[in-house]
Amino acid sequence: MNLFVALRQAFPADLDTCAIEPADGPDTRRFYTWRDLDHASARIANLLDSLALPPASRIAVQVEKSVEALLLYLGVLRAGHVFLPLNTAYQAAEIEYFIGNAEPAVVVCSGRNFSWVSRLAFQAGTTHVFTLNDDRTGTLLDRAAFHADTHTPAEKSAGDLAAILYTSGTTGRSKGAMLSHGNLLSNAQTLKDYWGWQAGDVLIHALPIFHVHGLFVASHGALLNGSKMIWFTRFDPKAVLARLPEATVFMGVPTLYVRLLGEAGLTKQACRNMRLFVSGSAPLLIETFNDWRERTGHTILERYGMSETIMLTSNPYRTEDGERRGGTVGFPLPGVGLRVRDEQGGALHVGEIGGIEVRGPNVFSGYWRMPEKTREEFTADGWFKTGDVGKIDAGGYVTIVGRSKDLIISGGYNVYPAEVEGYLNELPGVAESAVIGAPHPDFGEGVLAVVVPRAGAALDGARLIAALKTKIAGFKVPKQVFITNELPRNTMGKVQKNLLREQHQGYFSA
């Protein structure tokens, strides 16, 4: 089934009720009804139909967050083409690669970037380039306005391609993960049940929509439940806090929770109508988990997913399914298989650390035009090797220890950065940390740590090292600790350890 058809069937009977209410941007007085979503996506789909594009053409989109950008996504699904969202932070060299690799038939960009994006697109053979701005202007909307507001969705099967998401790899070129209508729909339906979506739910949507979390998990969740969204184009903690009493569901990355905790107005009273707080896309510090529960009376639900798989695991929503445990990502979702294997592919015992492998209806079919890479990333018996390292405890809870590419091998011993970071973050005065490996003439790799102090704290690297020596094995202890004001992060809040490795790669040789 075309994913759009499933989403459209979930619209409420009264199409003239509010579907999306902009909370910021050029005109917060206007809201979008479910009928608006239906008609506007139909106009865009009809525009795409009028271009006589090849079947399942790629539609590459790099625009600022807006309701119209979400309508474009729905229109692409409706017309049966393939949506290719691109991070708004990408620069010319990156966009040139994506356009050259995906060969989109249509590119949609912000008006301010049209001159250089269109040049790259036309040079690569793209036929159509439109603009779309966050103030409801642009040539895409101008052209779509001339088309009918009814449209018969393209027929699609579960295995047909719906979207390509380029993964932000730290080494080599980004890879395009191919997600089908069935991948996306099955995961949305699973989460609808597992997270207890119910009539009357209202979602605060404050995430970007070029990523799995905001575009698929959040948007699909609200659309498939017929739930209103309070729509923020940019996250502002005070503004979000002011709207919490009107909402029941909030999804964020850990950074958003930290910023909300910095607001004096975050109280149990402010969260009195909330049902669910979900965190993902980066590890949630146990301190943030505990502080949030103390301040709000709510326990954050942490989950785990990837561009290649959408959501894989989740802490329980319902108390009868278990407790939400900080520092874990819960259990494999219904229908998802998850196992931990050693480097030779052998089974591990409970609590042992190894590579996480998964399978299920949510798992992608492979990487766009990279058959060799696709074969490398799947086992002979069909499990996807996530590249994440973790463990499963006796109760079935999954804990992510780190990325396999972040593994440090020092003197022949494996050092898992997340383990060392956990001990560092418990030390007095430490707000957060990042542990990396750097080339070492004797050990192969030496362990380094970059630490951010709490406000008002004065940290000493040597003292932190001395404290760690009393807690963990010597080969795991950083040989040097650097103090910094903040860690480099990408737009989803993930620490960019590749930048830290580049910065400190010559430390031991110097």
Protein backbone atom coordinates (compact mmCIF):
# COMPACT_ATOMS: atom_id res chain seq x y z
CA MET A 1 0.00 0.00 0.00
CA ASN A 2 1.12 3.56 -0.72
CA LEU A 3 2.15 5.01 2.64
CA PHE A 4 0.22 8.18 1.85
CA VAL A 5 -3.01 6.20 1.50
CA ALA A 6 -2.56 4.72 4.98
CA LEU A 7 -1.88 8.14 6.45
CA ARG A 8 -4.83 9.69 4.61
CA GLN A 9 -7.18 6.97 5.84
CA ALA A 10 -6.28 7.94 9.41
CA PHE A 11 -7.42 11.56 8.99
CA PRO A 12 -10.39 12.36 11.28
CA ALA A 13 -13.92 12.36 9.90
CA ASP A 14 -14.17 16.13 10.33
CA LEU A 15 -11.57 17.40 7.87
CA ASP A 16 -12.11 21.00 8.92
CA THR A 17 -10.56 20.58 12.36
CA CYS A 18 -7.00 21.74 13.07
CA ALA A 19 -4.24 19.38 11.91
CA ILE A 20 -1.18 21.62 12.30
CA GLU A 21 -0.89 24.86 14.25
CA PRO A 22 2.28 26.89 13.56
CA ALA A 23 3.74 28.05 16.86
CA ASP A 24 6.33 30.37 15.33
CA GLY A 25 7.31 31.64 11.90
CA PRO A 26 5.76 34.31 9.67
CA ASP A 27 2.10 33.84 10.59
CA THR A 28 1.11 32.04 13.76
CA ARG A 29 -2.51 33.14 13.37
CA ARG A 30 -3.07 30.65 10.55
CA PHE A 31 -3.62 26.94 11.09
CA TYR A 32 -3.88 24.03 8.66
CA THR A 33 -6.91 21.76 8.61
CA TRP A 34 -6.88 18.14 7.57
CA ARG A 35 -8.63 19.26 4.40
CA ASP A 36 -5.72 21.66 3.75
CA LEU A 37 -3.28 18.75 4.03
CA ASP A 38 -5.35 16.70 1.61
CA HIS A 39 -5.82 19.46 -0.96
CA ALA A 40 -2.30 20.90 -0.82
CA SER A 41 -0.60 17.49 -1.13
CA ALA A 42 -2.93 16.76 -4.08
CA ARG A 43 -1.85 19.96 -5.87
CA ILE A 44 1.82 19.08 -5.39
CA ALA A 45 1.24 15.51 -6.56
CA ASN A 46 -0.58 16.80 -9.64
CA LEU A 47 2.31 19.17 -10.35
CA LEU A 48 4.74 16.26 -10.22
CA ASP A 49 2.45 14.21 -12.46
CA SER A 50 2.41 17.05 -14.99
CA LEU A 51 6.21 16.87 -15.32
CA ALA A 52 5.95 13.37 -16.85
CA LEU A 53 8.79 12.09 -14.64
CA PRO A 54 10.08 8.52 -14.89
CA PRO A 55 8.42 6.17 -12.37
CA ALA A 56 9.87 6.36 -8.84
CA SER A 57 11.94 9.44 -9.60
CA ARG A 58 14.02 10.86 -6.78
CA ILE A 59 12.86 14.24 -5.46
CA ALA A 60 15.74 15.87 -3.56
CA VAL A 61 14.70 18.47 -0.99
CA GLN A 62 16.90 20.89 0.96
CA VAL A 63 14.63 23.50 2.52
CA GLU A 64 14.02 25.06 5.92
CA LYS A 65 11.40 23.46 8.12
CA SER A 66 7.85 24.51 7.30
CA VAL A 67 4.41 22.95 7.09
CA GLU A 68 4.69 23.27 3.30
CA ALA A 69 7.86 21.17 3.40
CA LEU A 70 5.86 18.42 5.12
CA LEU A 71 3.12 18.82 2.49
CA LEU A 72 5.78 18.37 -0.19
CA TYR A 73 6.80 15.07 1.42
CA LEU A 74 3.17 13.91 1.39
CA GLY A 75 2.80 15.02 -2.23
CA VAL A 76 5.87 13.05 -3.29
CA LEU A 77 4.52 9.90 -1.59
CA ARG A 78 1.12 10.49 -3.14
CA ALA A 79 2.59 10.77 -6.65
CA GLY A 80 4.58 7.57 -6.13
CA HIS A 81 8.05 9.11 -6.24
CA VAL A 82 10.98 8.84 -3.84
CA PHE A 83 11.58 11.53 -1.21
CA LEU A 84 15.21 12.47 -0.56
CA PRO A 85 15.52 14.92 2.36
CA LEU A 86 18.83 16.73 2.78
CA ASN A 87 20.20 18.38 5.91
CA THR A 88 19.94 22.17 5.68
CA ALA A 89 23.54 22.45 6.93
CA TYR A 90 24.99 20.70 3.85
CA GLN A 91 27.24 22.88 1.71
CA ALA A 92 27.95 22.93 -2.03
CA ALA A 93 30.45 20.04 -2.18
CA GLU A 94 28.09 17.79 -0.23
CA ILE A 95 25.03 18.74 -2.30
CA GLU A 96 27.03 18.12 -5.47
CA TYR A 97 27.77 14.58 -4.26
CA PHE A 98 24.17 13.82 -3.29
CA ILE A 99 22.76 15.11 -6.58
CA GLY A 100 25.40 13.23 -8.56
CA ASN A 101 24.80 10.01 -6.65
CA ALA A 102 20.99 10.05 -6.49
CA GLU A 103 20.39 11.68 -9.89
CA PRO A 104 17.12 13.32 -8.83
CA ALA A 105 14.60 14.33 -11.48
CA VAL A 106 13.51 17.25 -9.29
CA VAL A 107 15.41 19.36 -6.77
CA VAL A 108 13.65 21.69 -4.34
CA CYS A 109 15.76 24.23 -2.45
CA SER A 110 15.43 27.46 -0.49
CA GLY A 111 15.16 30.54 -2.65
CA ARG A 112 18.35 32.04 -1.20
CA ASN A 113 20.31 28.98 -2.41
CA PHE A 114 18.74 28.73 -5.84
CA SER A 115 21.66 30.18 -7.81
CA TRP A 116 24.26 27.63 -6.71
CA VAL A 117 21.95 24.63 -6.13
CA SER A 118 20.32 24.98 -9.57
CA ARG A 119 23.75 25.23 -11.22
CA LEU A 120 24.86 21.97 -9.60
CA ALA A 121 21.54 20.29 -10.39
CA PHE A 122 21.42 21.27 -14.05
CA GLN A 123 25.07 20.29 -14.54
CA ALA A 124 24.19 16.83 -13.15
CA GLY A 125 21.27 16.44 -15.53
CA THR A 126 18.37 17.32 -13.22
CA THR A 127 15.48 18.64 -15.29
CA HIS A 128 13.47 20.62 -12.74
CA VAL A 129 14.54 22.88 -9.87
CA PHE A 130 11.95 24.61 -7.68
CA THR A 131 12.21 26.86 -4.65
CA LEU A 132 10.33 26.60 -1.36
CA ASN A 133 10.76 29.06 1.50
CA ASP A 134 9.58 28.92 5.08
CA ASP A 135 7.15 31.83 4.56
CA ARG A 136 4.86 29.99 2.11
CA THR A 137 6.58 31.45 -0.97
CA GLY A 138 8.53 29.85 -3.79
CA THR A 139 8.11 28.58 -7.33
CA LEU A 140 6.94 25.15 -6.13
CA LEU A 141 3.82 26.62 -4.53
CA ASP A 142 3.33 29.07 -7.41
CA ARG A 143 3.25 26.21 -9.91
CA ALA A 144 1.21 23.87 -7.70
CA ALA A 145 -1.51 26.52 -7.28
CA PHE A 146 -2.56 25.98 -10.92
CA HIS A 147 -3.31 22.29 -10.34
CA ALA A 148 -6.41 20.51 -9.03
CA ASP A 149 -6.85 19.81 -5.34
CA THR A 150 -7.93 16.21 -5.87
CA HIS A 151 -5.59 13.38 -6.84
CA THR A 152 -5.70 9.60 -7.06
CA PRO A 153 -2.61 8.27 -5.22
CA ALA A 154 -0.17 6.16 -7.23
CA GLU A 155 -0.44 2.44 -6.59
CA LYS A 156 2.53 1.14 -4.62
CA SER A 157 3.45 -2.17 -3.03
CA ALA A 158 5.11 -2.61 0.36
CA GLY A 159 8.51 -3.20 -1.23
CA ASP A 160 8.47 -0.10 -3.43
CA LEU A 161 10.95 2.62 -2.57
CA ALA A 162 9.51 5.59 -0.65
CA ALA A 163 12.55 7.49 0.63
CA ILE A 164 16.33 7.61 0.56
CA LEU A 165 18.14 8.93 3.62
CA TYR A 166 21.83 9.66 3.35
CA THR A 167 23.65 8.57 6.47
CA SER A 168 26.21 10.94 7.95
CA GLY A 169 29.15 8.58 8.04
CA THR A 170 32.35 9.77 9.71
CA THR A 171 34.56 8.05 7.13
CA GLY A 172 34.11 7.81 3.39
CA ARG A 173 31.13 9.01 1.39
CA SER A 174 27.63 9.12 2.81
CA LYS A 175 25.45 6.16 1.90
CA GLY A 176 21.83 6.40 0.76
CA ALA A 177 19.65 4.09 2.88
CA MET A 178 16.66 2.91 0.80
CA LEU A 179 13.41 2.76 2.78
CA SER A 180 10.23 1.28 1.34
CA HIS A 181 6.55 2.11 1.89
CA GLY A 182 6.35 -1.10 3.92
CA ASN A 183 9.37 -0.22 6.08
CA LEU A 184 7.90 3.13 7.03
CA LEU A 185 4.29 2.02 7.48
CA SER A 186 5.07 -1.08 9.54
CA ASN A 187 7.23 0.92 11.94
CA ALA A 188 4.66 3.70 12.29
CA GLN A 189 1.91 1.19 13.05
CA THR A 190 4.09 -0.60 15.61
CA LEU A 191 4.93 2.64 17.42
CA LYS A 192 1.29 3.76 17.38
CA ASP A 193 0.41 0.73 19.48
CA TYR A 194 3.59 0.42 21.56
CA TRP A 195 3.57 4.09 22.62
CA GLY A 196 -0.15 4.10 23.29
CA TRP A 197 -1.21 6.83 20.87
CA GLN A 198 -4.82 7.70 21.74
CA ALA A 199 -7.70 9.95 20.74
CA GLY A 200 -7.07 13.56 21.72
CA ASP A 201 -3.27 13.34 21.67
CA VAL A 202 -1.50 16.55 20.65
CA LEU A 203 2.16 16.46 19.55
CA ILE A 204 4.63 19.29 20.00
CA HIS A 205 6.78 18.98 16.87
CA ALA A 206 10.07 20.80 17.43
CA LEU A 207 12.45 18.56 15.47
CA PRO A 208 13.92 19.04 11.99
CA ILE A 209 12.21 17.09 9.22
CA PHE A 210 15.21 15.98 7.17
CA HIS A 211 15.82 13.13 9.61
CA VAL A 212 14.16 9.89 10.76
CA HIS A 213 13.17 11.29 14.16
CA GLY A 214 11.25 14.35 12.98
CA LEU A 215 10.04 13.28 9.55
CA PHE A 216 9.08 9.67 10.21
CA VAL A 217 8.73 8.96 13.94
CA ALA A 218 7.10 12.25 14.97
CA SER A 219 5.16 13.21 11.83
CA HIS A 220 3.97 9.70 10.99
CA GLY A 221 2.94 9.19 14.60
CA ALA A 222 0.66 12.22 14.64
CA LEU A 223 -0.70 11.69 11.12
CA LEU A 224 -1.44 8.00 11.63
CA ASN A 225 -3.30 8.86 14.84
CA GLY A 226 -5.18 11.82 13.37
CA SER A 227 -3.54 14.03 16.02
CA LYS A 228 -2.96 17.75 15.95
CA MET A 229 0.63 19.00 15.82
CA ILE A 230 1.85 22.21 17.44
CA TRP A 231 4.54 23.04 14.91
CA PHE A 232 7.81 24.78 15.79
CA THR A 233 10.16 25.62 12.93
CA ARG A 234 12.94 26.12 15.48
CA PHE A 235 13.31 24.88 19.03
CA ASP A 236 12.95 27.59 21.63
CA PRO A 237 12.75 26.26 25.21
CA LYS A 238 10.63 29.11 26.58
CA ALA A 239 8.19 28.93 23.67
CA VAL A 240 7.90 25.14 23.89
CA LEU A 241 7.41 25.35 27.64
CA ALA A 242 4.54 27.80 27.14
CA ARG A 243 2.72 25.30 24.90
CA LEU A 244 3.26 22.16 27.01
CA PRO A 245 -0.10 22.52 28.84
CA GLU A 246 -1.86 22.18 25.46
CA ALA A 247 0.01 19.02 24.42
CA THR A 248 0.26 15.37 25.45
CA VAL A 249 3.33 14.12 23.52
CA PHE A 250 6.81 15.60 23.03
CA MET A 251 9.74 14.10 21.14
CA GLY A 252 13.23 15.50 21.41
CA VAL A 253 16.94 14.84 21.31
CA PRO A 254 18.82 14.97 24.66
CA THR A 255 20.01 18.53 24.02
CA LEU A 256 16.40 19.75 23.97
CA TYR A 257 15.71 18.18 27.36
CA VAL A 258 18.85 19.76 28.82
CA ARG A 259 17.76 23.17 27.54
CA LEU A 260 14.25 22.73 28.94
CA LEU A 261 15.73 21.77 32.30
CA GLY A 262 17.49 25.12 32.24
CA GLU A 263 14.11 26.89 32.39
CA ALA A 264 12.72 27.75 35.83
CA GLY A 265 9.20 27.30 34.47
CA LEU A 266 9.67 23.57 33.90
CA THR A 267 7.48 22.17 36.69
CA LYS A 268 5.06 19.36 37.30
CA GLN A 269 2.26 21.86 36.80
CA ALA A 270 3.60 22.85 33.35
CA CYS A 271 3.60 19.16 32.38
CA ARG A 272 0.23 18.33 33.97
CA ASN A 273 -1.44 17.29 30.68
CA MET A 274 1.55 15.51 29.17
CA ARG A 275 1.35 11.79 28.56
CA LEU A 276 4.71 10.93 27.00
CA PHE A 277 8.20 12.36 26.59
CA VAL A 278 10.38 10.48 24.06
CA SER A 279 14.14 10.92 23.62
CA GLY A 280 16.43 9.58 20.92
CA SER A 281 19.02 10.26 18.19
CA ALA A 282 21.81 10.52 20.79
CA PRO A 283 22.52 9.00 24.23
CA LEU A 284 20.61 10.52 27.14
CA LEU A 285 22.76 11.16 30.20
CA ILE A 286 21.48 9.42 33.33
CA GLU A 287 21.68 12.78 35.11
CA THR A 288 19.27 14.30 32.58
CA PHE A 289 16.99 11.27 32.93
CA ASN A 290 16.89 11.62 36.72
CA ASP A 291 16.62 15.42 36.77
CA TRP A 292 13.69 15.31 34.37
CA ARG A 293 11.80 12.82 36.51
CA GLU A 294 12.44 14.88 39.63
CA ARG A 295 11.35 18.19 38.05
CA THR A 296 8.35 17.03 36.03
CA GLY A 297 7.15 13.78 37.56
CA HIS A 298 7.53 12.15 34.12
CA THR A 299 10.00 9.43 33.14
CA ILE A 300 11.52 9.99 29.70
CA LEU A 301 11.09 7.06 27.30
CA GLU A 302 14.40 6.47 25.51
CA ARG A 303 14.44 4.49 22.28
CA TYR A 304 16.94 3.43 19.61
CA GLY A 305 16.82 3.65 15.84
CA MET A 306 18.82 4.34 12.71
CA SER A 307 18.34 5.79 9.24
CA GLU A 308 18.54 2.23 7.89
CA THR A 309 15.92 0.76 10.23
CA ILE A 310 13.74 3.54 11.65
CA MET A 311 12.96 2.48 15.26
CA LEU A 312 14.40 -0.77 16.64
CA THR A 313 13.94 -0.75 20.40
CA SER A 314 12.04 1.22 23.01
CA ASN A 315 11.67 1.42 26.72
CA PRO A 316 8.14 0.39 27.70
CA TYR A 317 5.27 2.85 27.64
CA ARG A 318 2.88 0.73 29.70
CA THR A 319 3.87 -0.08 33.27
CA GLU A 320 2.73 -3.68 32.87
CA ASP A 321 5.43 -4.12 30.20
CA GLY A 322 8.20 -3.06 32.60
CA GLU A 323 9.94 0.03 33.90
CA ARG A 324 11.71 2.69 31.84
CA ARG A 325 15.36 2.31 32.72
CA GLY A 326 17.77 5.19 32.32
CA GLY A 327 20.91 4.33 30.40
CA THR A 328 19.11 1.68 28.35
CA VAL A 329 17.07 1.76 25.15
CA GLY A 330 14.57 -0.83 26.35
CA PHE A 331 13.42 -3.91 24.48
CA PRO A 332 13.30 -4.82 20.78
CA LEU A 333 10.01 -3.57 19.32
CA PRO A 334 7.35 -6.17 18.41
CA GLY A 335 8.35 -7.85 15.16
CA VAL A 336 11.98 -6.73 15.43
CA GLY A 337 14.72 -9.30 15.97
CA LEU A 338 17.88 -8.13 17.78
CA ARG A 339 20.98 -10.09 18.71
CA VAL A 340 24.53 -9.36 19.88
CA ARG A 341 27.47 -11.13 18.20
CA ASP A 342 31.22 -11.23 18.62
CA GLU A 343 33.65 -10.18 15.88
CA GLN A 344 33.52 -13.65 14.33
CA GLY A 345 29.71 -13.68 14.30
CA GLY A 346 29.39 -16.01 17.27
CA ALA A 347 26.66 -15.77 19.91
CA LEU A 348 27.42 -14.02 23.21
CA HIS A 349 26.17 -14.62 26.73
CA VAL A 350 23.88 -12.29 28.65
CA GLY A 351 25.64 -9.04 29.51
CA GLU A 352 28.55 -9.56 27.10
CA ILE A 353 29.38 -6.70 24.76
CA GLY A 354 29.33 -7.18 20.99
CA GLY A 355 28.01 -5.96 17.67
CA ILE A 356 24.25 -5.40 17.43
CA GLU A 357 22.48 -7.09 14.51
CA VAL A 358 18.80 -6.70 13.63
CA ARG A 359 16.10 -7.87 11.26
CA GLY A 360 12.43 -7.08 10.74
CA PRO A 361 9.90 -5.41 8.43
CA ASN A 362 11.38 -2.00 9.29
CA VAL A 363 14.91 -2.84 8.07
CA PHE A 364 15.94 -1.23 4.79
CA SER A 365 16.72 -3.14 1.61
CA GLY A 366 20.21 -1.72 1.13
CA TYR A 367 22.27 1.30 0.12
CA TRP A 368 21.49 3.19 -3.07
CA ARG A 369 23.78 2.03 -5.88
CA MET A 370 26.17 0.35 -3.43
CA PRO A 371 25.57 -3.40 -3.83
CA GLU A 372 28.96 -4.36 -2.43
CA LYS A 373 28.52 -2.19 0.65
CA THR A 374 25.02 -3.62 1.11
CA ARG A 375 26.37 -7.18 1.03
CA GLU A 376 29.04 -6.26 3.58
CA GLU A 377 26.49 -4.90 6.02
CA PHE A 378 24.22 -7.97 6.05
CA THR A 379 25.09 -11.37 7.50
CA ALA A 380 24.74 -14.56 5.48
CA ASP A 381 21.48 -15.31 7.31
CA GLY A 382 19.99 -11.87 6.58
CA TRP A 383 20.64 -9.79 9.71
CA PHE A 384 21.73 -6.15 9.33
CA LYS A 385 24.95 -5.25 11.14
CA THR A 386 24.12 -1.90 12.73
CA GLY A 387 27.68 -0.91 13.51
CA ASP A 388 26.56 -0.24 17.09
CA VAL A 389 28.11 -2.05 20.02
CA GLY A 390 25.96 -3.06 22.97
CA LYS A 391 24.70 -5.70 25.34
CA ILE A 392 21.45 -7.32 26.50
CA ASP A 393 20.95 -7.87 30.23
CA ALA A 394 19.14 -10.73 31.94
CA GLY A 395 15.88 -8.76 31.85
CA GLY A 396 16.10 -8.22 28.09
CA TYR A 397 16.99 -4.52 28.25
CA VAL A 398 19.36 -3.35 25.51
CA THR A 399 22.20 -0.94 26.31
CA ILE A 400 24.20 0.80 23.58
CA VAL A 401 27.87 1.02 24.46
CA GLY A 402 29.02 2.90 21.36
CA ARG A 403 29.71 2.67 17.66
CA SER A 404 32.05 -0.03 16.41
CA LYS A 405 34.01 2.63 14.56
CA ASP A 406 34.50 4.43 17.89
CA LEU A 407 36.01 1.32 19.49
CA ILE A 408 39.53 2.01 20.75
CA ILE A 409 42.05 -0.85 20.68
CA SER A 410 44.88 0.11 23.02
CA GLY A 411 47.70 -2.36 23.58
CA GLY A 412 45.49 -5.13 22.25
CA TYR A 413 42.67 -4.37 24.68
CA ASN A 414 39.21 -3.16 23.63
CA VAL A 415 38.15 0.15 25.16
CA TYR A 416 34.49 1.15 24.75
CA PRO A 417 34.27 4.96 24.96
CA ALA A 418 30.73 5.01 26.38
CA GLU A 419 31.85 2.97 29.38
CA VAL A 420 34.67 5.39 30.19
CA GLU A 421 32.39 8.36 29.58
CA GLY A 422 29.91 6.93 32.04
CA TYR A 423 32.51 6.95 34.82
CA LEU A 424 33.81 10.39 33.83
CA ASN A 425 30.33 11.91 33.87
CA GLU A 426 29.80 10.71 37.44
CA LEU A 427 32.82 12.66 38.73
CA PRO A 428 32.18 15.95 40.58
CA GLY A 429 32.09 18.99 38.33
CA VAL A 430 31.80 17.06 35.05
CA ALA A 431 28.82 17.95 32.85
CA GLU A 432 29.63 15.63 29.95
CA SER A 433 32.54 14.01 28.16
CA ALA A 434 33.70 12.40 24.93
CA VAL A 435 36.35 9.67 24.85
CA ILE A 436 38.33 9.07 21.65
CA GLY A 437 41.35 7.16 20.43
CA ALA A 438 44.42 8.70 18.79
CA PRO A 439 47.36 7.01 17.06
CA HIS A 440 49.99 5.93 19.63
CA PRO A 441 53.52 4.72 18.77
CA ASP A 442 53.50 1.94 21.38
CA PHE A 443 49.87 0.98 21.99
CA GLY A 444 48.46 1.45 18.50
CA GLU A 445 45.86 3.79 19.95
CA GLY A 446 45.92 5.86 23.10
CA VAL A 447 42.83 6.92 25.03
CA LEU A 448 42.01 10.64 25.26
CA ALA A 449 39.07 12.42 26.86
CA VAL A 450 37.47 15.79 26.20
CA VAL A 451 35.45 17.05 29.17
CA VAL A 452 32.93 19.86 29.62
CA PRO A 453 32.72 21.25 33.19
CA ARG A 454 29.52 22.13 34.99
CA ALA A 455 28.74 25.81 35.37
CA GLY A 456 31.09 27.28 37.96
CA ALA A 457 33.25 24.17 38.26
CA ALA A 458 37.02 24.29 37.81
CA LEU A 459 38.28 20.95 36.56
CA ASP A 460 41.80 19.59 36.57
CA GLY A 461 42.61 16.88 34.02
CA ALA A 462 45.23 15.17 36.19
CA ARG A 463 42.80 14.86 39.09
CA LEU A 464 40.13 13.38 36.84
CA ILE A 465 42.63 10.80 35.60
CA ALA A 466 43.62 9.96 39.18
CA ALA A 467 39.97 9.48 40.13
CA LEU A 468 39.35 7.19 37.16
CA LYS A 469 42.32 5.00 38.10
CA THR A 470 40.45 4.00 41.24
CA LYS A 471 37.37 2.96 39.26
CA ILE A 472 38.39 1.26 36.00
CA ALA A 473 41.21 -0.82 34.53
CA GLY A 474 44.35 1.10 33.73
CA PHE A 475 44.21 0.45 29.97
CA LYS A 476 40.82 2.22 29.86
CA VAL A 477 42.00 5.36 31.67
CA PRO A 478 42.60 8.38 29.38
CA LYS A 479 46.23 9.34 29.10
CA GLN A 480 45.20 12.98 28.77
CA VAL A 481 42.04 14.94 29.57
CA PHE A 482 41.25 18.14 27.70
CA ILE A 483 38.85 20.67 29.23
CA THR A 484 36.54 22.53 26.83
CA ASN A 485 33.41 24.69 26.98
CA GLU A 486 31.36 22.49 24.66
CA LEU A 487 31.53 19.39 22.49
CA PRO A 488 31.00 19.64 18.70
CA ARG A 489 27.57 18.31 17.72
CA ASN A 490 25.60 17.82 14.54
CA THR A 491 22.07 19.12 14.07
CA MET A 492 20.57 16.06 15.79
CA GLY A 493 22.67 16.55 18.92
CA LYS A 494 25.15 13.75 18.30
CA VAL A 495 28.72 14.45 19.38
CA GLN A 496 30.95 14.60 16.29
CA LYS A 497 33.82 12.46 17.51
CA ASN A 498 35.38 12.46 14.06
CA LEU A 499 36.11 16.19 14.55
CA LEU A 500 37.66 15.50 17.96
CA ARG A 501 39.77 12.71 16.49
CA GLU A 502 41.00 15.03 13.73
CA GLN A 503 41.81 17.72 16.28
CA HIS A 504 43.85 15.44 18.53
CA GLN A 505 45.21 12.80 16.12
CA GLY A 506 48.78 14.10 16.42
CA TYR A 507 48.85 14.32 20.22
CA PHE A 508 50.97 11.24 20.95
CA SER A 509 53.30 11.68 17.96
CA ALA A 510 53.99 15.25 19.08
